[in-house]
Amino acid sequence: VDWYAWEKISKKKGDFIYVPKSLMCH
């Protein structure tokens, strides 16, 4: 469900902002 959402959003104009710090624990 989430990967499908990212793929759709990746086509939109705008920014994918990545914070390269480990800030949550899954």
PDB file of all heavy atoms in Angstrom:
ATOM      1  N   VAL A   1       0.835  -1.206   0.000  1.00  0.00           N
ATOM      2  CA  VAL A   1       0.000   0.000   0.000  1.00  0.00           C
ATOM      3  C   VAL A   1       0.868   1.254   0.000  1.00  0.00           C
ATOM      4  O   VAL A   1       0.605   2.212  -0.738  1.00  0.00           O
ATOM      5  CB  VAL A   1      -0.938   0.003   1.225  1.00  0.00           C
ATOM      6  CG1 VAL A   1      -1.724   1.303   1.304  1.00  0.00           C
ATOM      7  CG2 VAL A   1      -1.894  -1.183   1.164  1.00  0.00           C
ATOM      8  N   ASP A   2       1.902   1.265   0.835  1.00  0.00           N
ATOM      9  CA  ASP A   2       2.752   2.456   0.938  1.00  0.00           C
ATOM     10  C   ASP A   2       3.638   2.631  -0.295  1.00  0.00           C
ATOM     11  O   ASP A   2       3.753   3.749  -0.829  1.00  0.00           O
ATOM     12  CB  ASP A   2       3.600   2.414   2.205  1.00  0.00           C
ATOM     13  CG  ASP A   2       4.369   1.121   2.384  1.00  0.00           C
ATOM     14  OD1 ASP A   2       4.089   0.139   1.666  1.00  0.00           O
ATOM     15  OD2 ASP A   2       5.266   1.075   3.256  1.00  0.00           O
ATOM     16  N   TRP A   3       4.270   1.563  -0.772  1.00  0.00           N
ATOM     17  CA  TRP A   3       5.134   1.648  -1.962  1.00  0.00           C
ATOM     18  C   TRP A   3       4.335   2.164  -3.160  1.00  0.00           C
ATOM     19  O   TRP A   3       4.822   2.994  -3.934  1.00  0.00           O
ATOM     20  CB  TRP A   3       5.721   0.272  -2.243  1.00  0.00           C
ATOM     21  CG  TRP A   3       6.822   0.200  -3.258  1.00  0.00           C
ATOM     22  CD1 TRP A   3       7.464   1.240  -3.872  1.00  0.00           C
ATOM     23  CD2 TRP A   3       7.421  -0.998  -3.756  1.00  0.00           C
ATOM     24  NE1 TRP A   3       8.420   0.764  -4.739  1.00  0.00           N
ATOM     25  CE2 TRP A   3       8.421  -0.602  -4.681  1.00  0.00           C
ATOM     26  CE3 TRP A   3       7.214  -2.357  -3.520  1.00  0.00           C
ATOM     27  CZ2 TRP A   3       9.194  -1.534  -5.371  1.00  0.00           C
ATOM     28  CZ3 TRP A   3       7.993  -3.276  -4.197  1.00  0.00           C
ATOM     29  CH2 TRP A   3       8.976  -2.857  -5.108  1.00  0.00           C
ATOM     30  N   TYR A   4       3.113   1.689  -3.305  1.00  0.00           N
ATOM     31  CA  TYR A   4       2.231   2.139  -4.385  1.00  0.00           C
ATOM     32  C   TYR A   4       1.962   3.641  -4.266  1.00  0.00           C
ATOM     33  O   TYR A   4       1.943   4.367  -5.268  1.00  0.00           O
ATOM     34  CB  TYR A   4       0.921   1.356  -4.332  1.00  0.00           C
ATOM     35  CG  TYR A   4      -0.049   1.639  -5.464  1.00  0.00           C
ATOM     36  CD1 TYR A   4       0.226   1.239  -6.762  1.00  0.00           C
ATOM     37  CD2 TYR A   4      -1.248   2.308  -5.222  1.00  0.00           C
ATOM     38  CE1 TYR A   4      -0.661   1.489  -7.799  1.00  0.00           C
ATOM     39  CE2 TYR A   4      -2.145   2.567  -6.260  1.00  0.00           C
ATOM     40  CZ  TYR A   4      -1.847   2.149  -7.539  1.00  0.00           C
ATOM     41  OH  TYR A   4      -2.727   2.408  -8.561  1.00  0.00           O
ATOM     42  N   ALA A   5       1.774   4.117  -3.035  1.00  0.00           N
ATOM     43  CA  ALA A   5       1.546   5.548  -2.810  1.00  0.00           C
ATOM     44  C   ALA A   5       2.782   6.369  -3.171  1.00  0.00           C
ATOM     45  O   ALA A   5       2.683   7.415  -3.823  1.00  0.00           O
ATOM     46  CB  ALA A   5       1.155   5.795  -1.354  1.00  0.00           C
ATOM     47  N   TRP A   6       3.974   5.890  -2.759  1.00  0.00           N
ATOM     48  CA  TRP A   6       5.206   6.644  -3.074  1.00  0.00           C
ATOM     49  C   TRP A   6       5.400   6.720  -4.587  1.00  0.00           C
ATOM     50  O   TRP A   6       5.831   7.755  -5.110  1.00  0.00           O
ATOM     51  CB  TRP A   6       6.439   5.989  -2.443  1.00  0.00           C
ATOM     52  CG  TRP A   6       6.367   5.548  -1.020  1.00  0.00           C
ATOM     53  CD1 TRP A   6       7.042   4.493  -0.467  1.00  0.00           C
ATOM     54  CD2 TRP A   6       5.620   6.121   0.072  1.00  0.00           C
ATOM     55  NE1 TRP A   6       6.754   4.365   0.861  1.00  0.00           N
ATOM     56  CE2 TRP A   6       5.885   5.354   1.219  1.00  0.00           C
ATOM     57  CE3 TRP A   6       4.743   7.202   0.163  1.00  0.00           C
ATOM     58  CZ2 TRP A   6       5.315   5.630   2.460  1.00  0.00           C
ATOM     59  CZ3 TRP A   6       4.155   7.476   1.395  1.00  0.00           C
ATOM     60  CH2 TRP A   6       4.435   6.709   2.517  1.00  0.00           C
ATOM     61  N   GLU A   7       5.097   5.610  -5.283  1.00  0.00           N
ATOM     62  CA  GLU A   7       5.261   5.603  -6.738  1.00  0.00           C
ATOM     63  C   GLU A   7       4.375   6.647  -7.395  1.00  0.00           C
ATOM     64  O   GLU A   7       4.803   7.358  -8.310  1.00  0.00           O
ATOM     65  CB  GLU A   7       4.939   4.199  -7.282  1.00  0.00           C
ATOM     66  CG  GLU A   7       5.321   3.979  -8.737  1.00  0.00           C
ATOM     67  CD  GLU A   7       4.260   4.438  -9.727  1.00  0.00           C
ATOM     68  OE1 GLU A   7       3.065   4.457  -9.348  1.00  0.00           O
ATOM     69  OE2 GLU A   7       4.614   4.787 -10.885  1.00  0.00           O
ATOM     70  N   LYS A   8       3.146   6.766  -6.932  1.00  0.00           N
ATOM     71  CA  LYS A   8       2.238   7.779  -7.482  1.00  0.00           C
ATOM     72  C   LYS A   8       2.732   9.184  -7.175  1.00  0.00           C
ATOM     73  O   LYS A   8       2.751  10.054  -8.052  1.00  0.00           O
ATOM     74  CB  LYS A   8       0.829   7.603  -6.904  1.00  0.00           C
ATOM     75  CG  LYS A   8       0.060   6.408  -7.421  1.00  0.00           C
ATOM     76  CD  LYS A   8      -1.421   6.544  -7.065  1.00  0.00           C
ATOM     77  CE  LYS A   8      -1.612   6.797  -5.578  1.00  0.00           C
ATOM     78  NZ  LYS A   8      -3.014   7.049  -5.222  1.00  0.00           N
ATOM     79  N   ILE A   9       3.120   9.399  -5.917  1.00  0.00           N
ATOM     80  CA  ILE A   9       3.572  10.734  -5.506  1.00  0.00           C
ATOM     81  C   ILE A   9       4.859  11.120  -6.221  1.00  0.00           C
ATOM     82  O   ILE A   9       5.098  12.292  -6.506  1.00  0.00           O
ATOM     83  CB  ILE A   9       3.757  10.783  -3.971  1.00  0.00           C
ATOM     84  CG1 ILE A   9       2.412  10.547  -3.269  1.00  0.00           C
ATOM     85  CG2 ILE A   9       4.327  12.120  -3.527  1.00  0.00           C
ATOM     86  CD1 ILE A   9       2.523  10.380  -1.754  1.00  0.00           C
ATOM     87  N   SER A  10       5.691  10.131  -6.558  1.00  0.00           N
ATOM     88  CA  SER A  10       6.978  10.416  -7.209  1.00  0.00           C
ATOM     89  C   SER A  10       6.809  11.071  -8.571  1.00  0.00           C
ATOM     90  O   SER A  10       7.743  11.682  -9.094  1.00  0.00           O
ATOM     91  CB  SER A  10       7.792   9.128  -7.355  1.00  0.00           C
ATOM     92  OG  SER A  10       7.265   8.279  -8.364  1.00  0.00           O
ATOM     93  N   LYS A  11       5.616  10.964  -9.153  1.00  0.00           N
ATOM     94  CA  LYS A  11       5.353  11.556 -10.469  1.00  0.00           C
ATOM     95  C   LYS A  11       4.943  13.023 -10.382  1.00  0.00           C
ATOM     96  O   LYS A  11       4.881  13.712 -11.398  1.00  0.00           O
ATOM     97  CB  LYS A  11       4.254  10.772 -11.176  1.00  0.00           C
ATOM     98  CG  LYS A  11       4.581   9.311 -11.450  1.00  0.00           C
ATOM     99  CD  LYS A  11       3.379   8.595 -12.055  1.00  0.00           C
ATOM    100  CE  LYS A  11       3.650   7.129 -12.285  1.00  0.00           C
ATOM    101  NZ  LYS A  11       2.453   6.420 -12.825  1.00  0.00           N
ATOM    102  N   LYS A  12       4.657  13.486  -9.177  1.00  0.00           N
ATOM    103  CA  LYS A  12       4.161  14.840  -8.996  1.00  0.00           C
ATOM    104  C   LYS A  12       5.302  15.859  -8.945  1.00  0.00           C
ATOM    105  O   LYS A  12       6.438  15.527  -8.597  1.00  0.00           O
ATOM    106  CB  LYS A  12       3.336  14.939  -7.708  1.00  0.00           C
ATOM    107  CG  LYS A  12       2.069  14.098  -7.708  1.00  0.00           C
ATOM    108  CD  LYS A  12       1.308  14.224  -6.415  1.00  0.00           C
ATOM    109  CE  LYS A  12       0.744  15.611  -6.215  1.00  0.00           C
ATOM    110  NZ  LYS A  12      -0.321  15.949  -7.195  1.00  0.00           N
ATOM    111  N   LYS A  13       4.977  17.084  -9.263  1.00  0.00           N
ATOM    112  CA  LYS A  13       5.943  18.177  -9.150  1.00  0.00           C
ATOM    113  C   LYS A  13       6.087  18.549  -7.686  1.00  0.00           C
ATOM    114  O   LYS A  13       5.098  18.753  -6.981  1.00  0.00           O
ATOM    115  CB  LYS A  13       5.467  19.385  -9.946  1.00  0.00           C
ATOM    116  CG  LYS A  13       6.432  20.568  -9.901  1.00  0.00           C
ATOM    117  CD  LYS A  13       5.906  21.729 -10.722  1.00  0.00           C
ATOM    118  CE  LYS A  13       6.868  22.899 -10.678  1.00  0.00           C
ATOM    119  NZ  LYS A  13       6.362  24.058 -11.471  1.00  0.00           N
ATOM    120  N   GLY A  14       7.312  18.610  -7.217  1.00  0.00           N
ATOM    121  CA  GLY A  14       7.563  18.924  -5.823  1.00  0.00           C
ATOM    122  C   GLY A  14       8.738  18.125  -5.296  1.00  0.00           C
ATOM    123  O   GLY A  14       9.437  17.455  -6.058  1.00  0.00           O
ATOM    124  N   ASP A  15       8.947  18.177  -3.982  1.00  0.00           N
ATOM    125  CA  ASP A  15      10.143  17.593  -3.381  1.00  0.00           C
ATOM    126  C   ASP A  15       9.873  16.347  -2.548  1.00  0.00           C
ATOM    127  O   ASP A  15       8.913  16.295  -1.772  1.00  0.00           O
ATOM    128  CB  ASP A  15      10.826  18.625  -2.478  1.00  0.00           C
ATOM    129  CG  ASP A  15      11.437  19.770  -3.270  1.00  0.00           C
ATOM    130  OD1 ASP A  15      11.663  19.596  -4.484  1.00  0.00           O
ATOM    131  OD2 ASP A  15      11.700  20.826  -2.661  1.00  0.00           O
ATOM    132  N   PHE A  16      10.744  15.345  -2.746  1.00  0.00           N
ATOM    133  CA  PHE A  16      10.869  14.197  -1.847  1.00  0.00           C
ATOM    134  C   PHE A  16      12.005  14.572  -0.897  1.00  0.00           C
ATOM    135  O   PHE A  16      13.173  14.518  -1.277  1.00  0.00           O
ATOM    136  CB  PHE A  16      11.266  12.942  -2.636  1.00  0.00           C
ATOM    137  CG  PHE A  16      10.131  12.036  -2.991  1.00  0.00           C
ATOM    138  CD1 PHE A  16       8.925  12.539  -3.434  1.00  0.00           C
ATOM    139  CD2 PHE A  16      10.276  10.658  -2.901  1.00  0.00           C
ATOM    140  CE1 PHE A  16       7.875  11.684  -3.778  1.00  0.00           C
ATOM    141  CE2 PHE A  16       9.247   9.801  -3.242  1.00  0.00           C
ATOM    142  CZ  PHE A  16       8.036  10.311  -3.678  1.00  0.00           C
ATOM    143  N   ILE A  17      11.683  14.915   0.331  1.00  0.00           N
ATOM    144  CA  ILE A  17      12.688  15.406   1.272  1.00  0.00           C
ATOM    145  C   ILE A  17      13.193  14.251   2.131  1.00  0.00           C
ATOM    146  O   ILE A  17      12.413  13.600   2.823  1.00  0.00           O
ATOM    147  CB  ILE A  17      12.096  16.500   2.178  1.00  0.00           C
ATOM    148  CG1 ILE A  17      11.493  17.627   1.323  1.00  0.00           C
ATOM    149  CG2 ILE A  17      13.144  17.052   3.129  1.00  0.00           C
ATOM    150  CD1 ILE A  17      10.627  18.588   2.120  1.00  0.00           C
ATOM    151  N   TYR A  18      14.482  14.015   2.083  1.00  0.00           N
ATOM    152  CA  TYR A  18      15.082  12.911   2.838  1.00  0.00           C
ATOM    153  C   TYR A  18      15.951  13.461   3.955  1.00  0.00           C
ATOM    154  O   TYR A  18      16.864  14.250   3.715  1.00  0.00           O
ATOM    155  CB  TYR A  18      15.900  12.027   1.903  1.00  0.00           C
ATOM    156  CG  TYR A  18      16.631  10.891   2.581  1.00  0.00           C
ATOM    157  CD1 TYR A  18      16.016  10.107   3.551  1.00  0.00           C
ATOM    158  CD2 TYR A  18      17.946  10.584   2.217  1.00  0.00           C
ATOM    159  CE1 TYR A  18      16.685   9.052   4.146  1.00  0.00           C
ATOM    160  CE2 TYR A  18      18.624   9.529   2.804  1.00  0.00           C
ATOM    161  CZ  TYR A  18      17.993   8.770   3.767  1.00  0.00           C
ATOM    162  OH  TYR A  18      18.665   7.721   4.358  1.00  0.00           O
ATOM    163  N   VAL A  19      15.660  13.046   5.190  1.00  0.00           N
ATOM    164  CA  VAL A  19      16.479  13.395   6.347  1.00  0.00           C
ATOM    165  C   VAL A  19      17.364  12.186   6.654  1.00  0.00           C
ATOM    166  O   VAL A  19      16.873  11.173   7.168  1.00  0.00           O
ATOM    167  CB  VAL A  19      15.603  13.726   7.573  1.00  0.00           C
ATOM    168  CG1 VAL A  19      16.486  14.177   8.744  1.00  0.00           C
ATOM    169  CG2 VAL A  19      14.574  14.800   7.233  1.00  0.00           C
ATOM    170  N   PRO A  20      18.651  12.244   6.330  1.00  0.00           N
ATOM    171  CA  PRO A  20      19.524  11.067   6.469  1.00  0.00           C
ATOM    172  C   PRO A  20      19.987  10.820   7.897  1.00  0.00           C
ATOM    173  O   PRO A  20      21.160  10.574   8.158  1.00  0.00           O
ATOM    174  CB  PRO A  20      20.693  11.407   5.541  1.00  0.00           C
ATOM    175  CG  PRO A  20      20.778  12.887   5.610  1.00  0.00           C
ATOM    176  CD  PRO A  20      19.353  13.386   5.730  1.00  0.00           C
ATOM    177  N   LYS A  21      19.053  10.896   8.827  1.00  0.00           N
ATOM    178  CA  LYS A  21      19.332  10.621  10.236  1.00  0.00           C
ATOM    179  C   LYS A  21      18.316   9.586  10.718  1.00  0.00           C
ATOM    180  O   LYS A  21      17.132   9.675  10.392  1.00  0.00           O
ATOM    181  CB  LYS A  21      19.217  11.891  11.079  1.00  0.00           C
ATOM    182  CG  LYS A  21      20.184  13.002  10.694  1.00  0.00           C
ATOM    183  CD  LYS A  21      19.974  14.233  11.554  1.00  0.00           C
ATOM    184  CE  LYS A  21      20.896  15.376  11.128  1.00  0.00           C
ATOM    185  NZ  LYS A  21      22.303  15.066  11.369  1.00  0.00           N
ATOM    186  N   SER A  22      18.767   8.637  11.493  1.00  0.00           N
ATOM    187  CA  SER A  22      17.875   7.599  12.008  1.00  0.00           C
ATOM    188  C   SER A  22      17.047   8.189  13.154  1.00  0.00           C
ATOM    189  O   SER A  22      17.514   8.280  14.285  1.00  0.00           O
ATOM    190  CB  SER A  22      18.689   6.394  12.496  1.00  0.00           C
ATOM    191  OG  SER A  22      17.832   5.376  12.955  1.00  0.00           O
ATOM    192  N   LEU A  23      15.807   8.563  12.844  1.00  0.00           N
ATOM    193  CA  LEU A  23      14.982   9.290  13.801  1.00  0.00           C
ATOM    194  C   LEU A  23      13.735   8.535  14.236  1.00  0.00           C
ATOM    195  O   LEU A  23      12.895   9.089  14.952  1.00  0.00           O
ATOM    196  CB  LEU A  23      14.593  10.659  13.214  1.00  0.00           C
ATOM    197  CG  LEU A  23      15.766  11.620  13.002  1.00  0.00           C
ATOM    198  CD1 LEU A  23      15.303  12.885  12.293  1.00  0.00           C
ATOM    199  CD2 LEU A  23      16.424  11.967  14.337  1.00  0.00           C
ATOM    200  N   MET A  24      13.595   7.290  13.797  1.00  0.00           N
ATOM    201  CA  MET A  24      12.520   6.449  14.333  1.00  0.00           C
ATOM    202  C   MET A  24      12.951   4.993  14.275  1.00  0.00           C
ATOM    203  O   MET A  24      13.847   4.628  13.506  1.00  0.00           O
ATOM    204  CB  MET A  24      11.184   6.687  13.613  1.00  0.00           C
ATOM    205  CG  MET A  24      11.135   6.396  12.132  1.00  0.00           C
ATOM    206  SD  MET A  24      10.775   4.661  11.750  1.00  0.00           S
ATOM    207  CE  MET A  24       9.234   4.406  12.597  1.00  0.00           C
ATOM    208  N   CYS A  25      12.321   4.188  15.115  1.00  0.00           N
ATOM    209  CA  CYS A  25      12.645   2.760  15.196  1.00  0.00           C
ATOM    210  C   CYS A  25      11.421   1.959  14.792  1.00  0.00           C
ATOM    211  O   CYS A  25      10.369   2.056  15.437  1.00  0.00           O
ATOM    212  CB  CYS A  25      13.067   2.385  16.609  1.00  0.00           C
ATOM    213  SG  CYS A  25      14.517   3.255  17.212  1.00  0.00           S
ATOM    214  N   HIS A  26      11.565   1.176  13.746  1.00  0.00           N
ATOM    215  CA  HIS A  26      10.479   0.349  13.232  1.00  0.00           C
ATOM    216  C   HIS A  26      10.577  -1.035  13.854  1.00  0.00           C
ATOM    217  O   HIS A  26      11.589  -1.715  13.708  1.00  0.00           O
ATOM    218  CB  HIS A  26      10.586   0.271  11.711  1.00  0.00           C
ATOM    219  CG  HIS A  26       9.515  -0.541  11.060  1.00  0.00           C
ATOM    220  ND1 HIS A  26       8.177  -0.384  11.338  1.00  0.00           N
ATOM    221  CD2 HIS A  26       9.590  -1.526  10.135  1.00  0.00           C
ATOM    222  CE1 HIS A  26       7.476  -1.232  10.621  1.00  0.00           C
ATOM    223  NE2 HIS A  26       8.307  -1.940   9.888  1.00  0.00           N
TER     224      HIS A  26
END
